[in-house]
Amino acid sequence: MKVLIRNLARSVTQAELEALFKPFGKIKNCTLVLDAKTGKSKGFGFVEMENGRDAIKAIKALNTLRVHGYGIRVKAAESTEE
């Protein structure tokens, strides 16, 4: 299950993002979205977890958690597949 994380402080690293989700289960993929020109964070990212139940637990536990002073928003990513 793919999870969208928004409202991240620009200083949050991909390793920190992955560390937030690691206690909830096995992570398939973790991506912090970066600006192509500057290489700096755009303030959101995606984490894909192997088990959907683990992802739901992570969403419930991490949504509105304060990270680097920002209340992050965590939800299931909407599928773009047709």
N, C-alpha and C. Protein backbone atom coordinates (compact mmCIF):
# COMPACT_ATOMS: atom_id res chain seq x y z
N MET A 1 0.85 -1.18 0.00
CA MET A 1 0.00 0.00 0.00
C MET A 1 0.89 1.23 0.00
N LYS A 2 0.54 2.19 -0.84
CA LYS A 2 1.31 3.43 -0.96
C LYS A 2 0.68 4.51 -0.10
N VAL A 3 1.53 5.21 0.65
CA VAL A 3 1.09 6.24 1.59
C VAL A 3 1.70 7.58 1.18
N LEU A 4 0.87 8.63 1.21
CA LEU A 4 1.32 9.99 0.90
C LEU A 4 1.55 10.74 2.21
N ILE A 5 2.69 11.41 2.31
CA ILE A 5 3.01 12.21 3.50
C ILE A 5 3.20 13.64 3.02
N ARG A 6 2.37 14.55 3.55
CA ARG A 6 2.42 15.96 3.16
C ARG A 6 2.79 16.83 4.36
N ASN A 7 3.07 18.09 4.06
CA ASN A 7 3.38 19.10 5.08
C ASN A 7 4.66 18.77 5.85
N LEU A 8 5.62 18.21 5.13
CA LEU A 8 6.92 17.92 5.75
C LEU A 8 7.78 19.17 5.75
N ALA A 9 8.53 19.36 6.82
CA ALA A 9 9.51 20.45 6.86
C ALA A 9 10.52 20.19 5.74
N ARG A 10 11.00 21.24 5.12
CA ARG A 10 11.96 21.08 4.02
C ARG A 10 13.27 20.46 4.49
N SER A 11 13.49 20.45 5.80
CA SER A 11 14.73 19.89 6.34
C SER A 11 14.65 18.39 6.61
N VAL A 12 13.47 17.78 6.49
CA VAL A 12 13.32 16.34 6.73
C VAL A 12 14.03 15.58 5.61
N THR A 13 14.81 14.57 6.00
CA THR A 13 15.54 13.76 5.02
C THR A 13 14.76 12.49 4.70
N GLN A 14 15.16 11.85 3.62
CA GLN A 14 14.53 10.58 3.24
C GLN A 14 14.76 9.53 4.33
N ALA A 15 15.93 9.53 4.94
CA ALA A 15 16.23 8.57 6.02
C ALA A 15 15.30 8.80 7.22
N GLU A 16 15.03 10.07 7.54
CA GLU A 16 14.11 10.37 8.65
C GLU A 16 12.69 9.92 8.32
N LEU A 17 12.29 10.13 7.07
CA LEU A 17 10.96 9.71 6.64
C LEU A 17 10.81 8.19 6.76
N GLU A 18 11.82 7.48 6.31
CA GLU A 18 11.81 6.03 6.39
C GLU A 18 11.79 5.57 7.86
N ALA A 19 12.53 6.25 8.71
CA ALA A 19 12.59 5.89 10.13
C ALA A 19 11.24 6.05 10.82
N LEU A 20 10.43 6.99 10.36
CA LEU A 20 9.08 7.17 10.93
C LEU A 20 8.21 5.95 10.70
N PHE A 21 8.36 5.33 9.53
CA PHE A 21 7.49 4.22 9.14
C PHE A 21 8.03 2.84 9.52
N LYS A 22 9.33 2.74 9.71
CA LYS A 22 9.98 1.45 9.98
C LYS A 22 9.36 0.67 11.15
N PRO A 23 8.97 1.33 12.26
CA PRO A 23 8.40 0.57 13.38
C PRO A 23 7.06 -0.12 13.05
N PHE A 24 6.43 0.27 11.95
CA PHE A 24 5.10 -0.25 11.63
C PHE A 24 5.14 -1.45 10.68
N GLY A 25 6.28 -1.73 10.07
CA GLY A 25 6.37 -2.88 9.18
C GLY A 25 7.40 -2.67 8.08
N LYS A 26 7.46 -3.66 7.19
CA LYS A 26 8.45 -3.66 6.12
C LYS A 26 8.10 -2.64 5.04
N ILE A 27 9.09 -1.84 4.69
CA ILE A 27 8.93 -0.79 3.69
C ILE A 27 9.48 -1.28 2.35
N LYS A 28 8.65 -1.18 1.31
CA LYS A 28 9.10 -1.54 -0.04
C LYS A 28 9.90 -0.41 -0.67
N ASN A 29 9.40 0.81 -0.50
CA ASN A 29 10.00 1.96 -1.16
C ASN A 29 9.70 3.22 -0.37
N CYS A 30 10.66 4.13 -0.34
CA CYS A 30 10.49 5.41 0.34
C CYS A 30 11.05 6.50 -0.57
N THR A 31 10.23 7.49 -0.88
CA THR A 31 10.65 8.55 -1.79
C THR A 31 10.30 9.92 -1.23
N LEU A 32 11.29 10.74 -1.03
CA LEU A 32 11.08 12.14 -0.66
C LEU A 32 11.15 12.91 -1.98
N VAL A 33 10.09 13.63 -2.32
CA VAL A 33 10.04 14.34 -3.60
C VAL A 33 10.90 15.60 -3.53
N LEU A 34 11.84 15.70 -4.49
CA LEU A 34 12.79 16.81 -4.52
C LEU A 34 12.54 17.69 -5.74
N ASP A 35 12.84 18.97 -5.58
CA ASP A 35 12.76 19.91 -6.69
C ASP A 35 13.90 19.61 -7.67
N ALA A 36 13.58 19.50 -8.94
CA ALA A 36 14.58 19.13 -9.95
C ALA A 36 15.70 20.17 -10.08
N LYS A 37 15.37 21.43 -9.92
CA LYS A 37 16.38 22.48 -10.09
C LYS A 37 17.27 22.65 -8.87
N THR A 38 16.66 22.67 -7.68
CA THR A 38 17.43 22.97 -6.47
C THR A 38 17.89 21.72 -5.72
N GLY A 39 17.21 20.59 -5.94
CA GLY A 39 17.54 19.37 -5.20
C GLY A 39 17.03 19.37 -3.78
N LYS A 40 16.23 20.39 -3.43
CA LYS A 40 15.68 20.49 -2.08
C LYS A 40 14.29 19.86 -2.03
N SER A 41 13.90 19.45 -0.84
CA SER A 41 12.60 18.82 -0.63
C SER A 41 11.46 19.74 -1.04
N LYS A 42 10.42 19.13 -1.62
CA LYS A 42 9.21 19.89 -1.96
C LYS A 42 8.18 19.82 -0.82
N GLY A 43 8.52 19.12 0.26
CA GLY A 43 7.64 19.08 1.42
C GLY A 43 6.65 17.92 1.43
N PHE A 44 6.87 16.94 0.54
CA PHE A 44 6.02 15.75 0.59
C PHE A 44 6.79 14.54 0.07
N GLY A 45 6.24 13.38 0.36
CA GLY A 45 6.89 12.14 -0.08
C GLY A 45 5.93 10.99 -0.05
N PHE A 46 6.42 9.82 -0.45
CA PHE A 46 5.63 8.61 -0.50
C PHE A 46 6.38 7.47 0.18
N VAL A 47 5.64 6.62 0.87
CA VAL A 47 6.20 5.41 1.43
C VAL A 47 5.29 4.27 0.99
N GLU A 48 5.89 3.23 0.43
CA GLU A 48 5.12 2.06 0.03
C GLU A 48 5.47 0.93 0.99
N MET A 49 4.43 0.38 1.62
CA MET A 49 4.63 -0.69 2.59
C MET A 49 4.13 -2.00 2.01
N GLU A 50 4.79 -3.09 2.38
CA GLU A 50 4.43 -4.41 1.84
C GLU A 50 3.05 -4.85 2.30
N ASN A 51 2.72 -4.56 3.56
CA ASN A 51 1.46 -5.03 4.13
C ASN A 51 0.50 -3.85 4.31
N GLY A 52 -0.70 -3.97 3.75
CA GLY A 52 -1.70 -2.92 3.84
C GLY A 52 -2.12 -2.61 5.27
N ARG A 53 -2.21 -3.64 6.10
CA ARG A 53 -2.59 -3.42 7.51
C ARG A 53 -1.54 -2.60 8.24
N ASP A 54 -0.27 -2.88 7.95
CA ASP A 54 0.81 -2.11 8.56
C ASP A 54 0.73 -0.65 8.12
N ALA A 55 0.41 -0.43 6.85
CA ALA A 55 0.29 0.93 6.32
C ALA A 55 -0.84 1.68 7.02
N ILE A 56 -1.96 1.02 7.24
CA ILE A 56 -3.10 1.65 7.91
C ILE A 56 -2.74 2.00 9.35
N LYS A 57 -2.02 1.12 10.03
CA LYS A 57 -1.56 1.41 11.39
C LYS A 57 -0.65 2.63 11.40
N ALA A 58 0.25 2.71 10.42
CA ALA A 58 1.17 3.84 10.33
C ALA A 58 0.41 5.14 10.08
N ILE A 59 -0.58 5.09 9.18
CA ILE A 59 -1.38 6.28 8.87
C ILE A 59 -2.07 6.79 10.13
N LYS A 60 -2.71 5.89 10.86
CA LYS A 60 -3.43 6.29 12.08
C LYS A 60 -2.49 6.85 13.14
N ALA A 61 -1.31 6.27 13.26
CA ALA A 61 -0.37 6.70 14.30
C ALA A 61 0.37 7.98 13.94
N LEU A 62 0.67 8.17 12.65
CA LEU A 62 1.54 9.29 12.26
C LEU A 62 0.80 10.53 11.77
N ASN A 63 -0.46 10.41 11.37
CA ASN A 63 -1.19 11.57 10.88
C ASN A 63 -1.27 12.63 11.99
N THR A 64 -0.91 13.84 11.66
CA THR A 64 -0.85 15.03 12.54
C THR A 64 0.34 15.02 13.51
N LEU A 65 1.21 14.02 13.44
CA LEU A 65 2.42 14.00 14.28
C LEU A 65 3.29 15.21 13.93
N ARG A 66 3.86 15.83 14.95
CA ARG A 66 4.74 16.99 14.70
C ARG A 66 6.17 16.50 14.45
N VAL A 67 6.69 16.86 13.28
CA VAL A 67 8.04 16.49 12.89
C VAL A 67 8.76 17.77 12.48
N HIS A 68 9.83 18.11 13.15
CA HIS A 68 10.57 19.36 12.90
C HIS A 68 9.64 20.56 13.01
N GLY A 69 8.67 20.48 13.91
CA GLY A 69 7.77 21.61 14.15
C GLY A 69 6.54 21.67 13.25
N TYR A 70 6.42 20.76 12.31
CA TYR A 70 5.28 20.75 11.39
C TYR A 70 4.38 19.56 11.68
N GLY A 71 3.07 19.78 11.68
CA GLY A 71 2.11 18.69 11.82
C GLY A 71 1.95 18.02 10.47
N ILE A 72 2.52 16.83 10.31
CA ILE A 72 2.47 16.15 9.01
C ILE A 72 1.09 15.57 8.74
N ARG A 73 0.75 15.41 7.47
CA ARG A 73 -0.52 14.82 7.04
C ARG A 73 -0.19 13.51 6.35
N VAL A 74 -0.78 12.43 6.82
CA VAL A 74 -0.49 11.10 6.30
C VAL A 74 -1.80 10.45 5.87
N LYS A 75 -1.84 9.96 4.62
CA LYS A 75 -3.04 9.28 4.12
C LYS A 75 -2.66 8.31 3.02
N ALA A 76 -3.60 7.43 2.69
CA ALA A 76 -3.37 6.50 1.60
C ALA A 76 -3.25 7.30 0.30
N ALA A 77 -2.27 6.96 -0.52
CA ALA A 77 -2.08 7.64 -1.80
C ALA A 77 -3.15 7.16 -2.77
N GLU A 78 -3.68 8.08 -3.54
CA GLU A 78 -4.68 7.72 -4.53
C GLU A 78 -3.98 7.08 -5.72
N SER A 79 -4.56 6.03 -6.24
CA SER A 79 -3.98 5.32 -7.37
C SER A 79 -4.19 6.10 -8.66
N THR A 80 -3.16 6.17 -9.49
CA THR A 80 -3.29 6.85 -10.78
C THR A 80 -3.51 5.85 -11.91
N GLU A 81 -3.56 4.56 -11.54
CA GLU A 81 -3.76 3.51 -12.55
C GLU A 81 -5.21 3.50 -13.00
N GLU A 82 -5.42 3.21 -14.26
CA GLU A 82 -6.78 3.16 -14.80
C GLU A 82 -7.28 1.75 -14.85
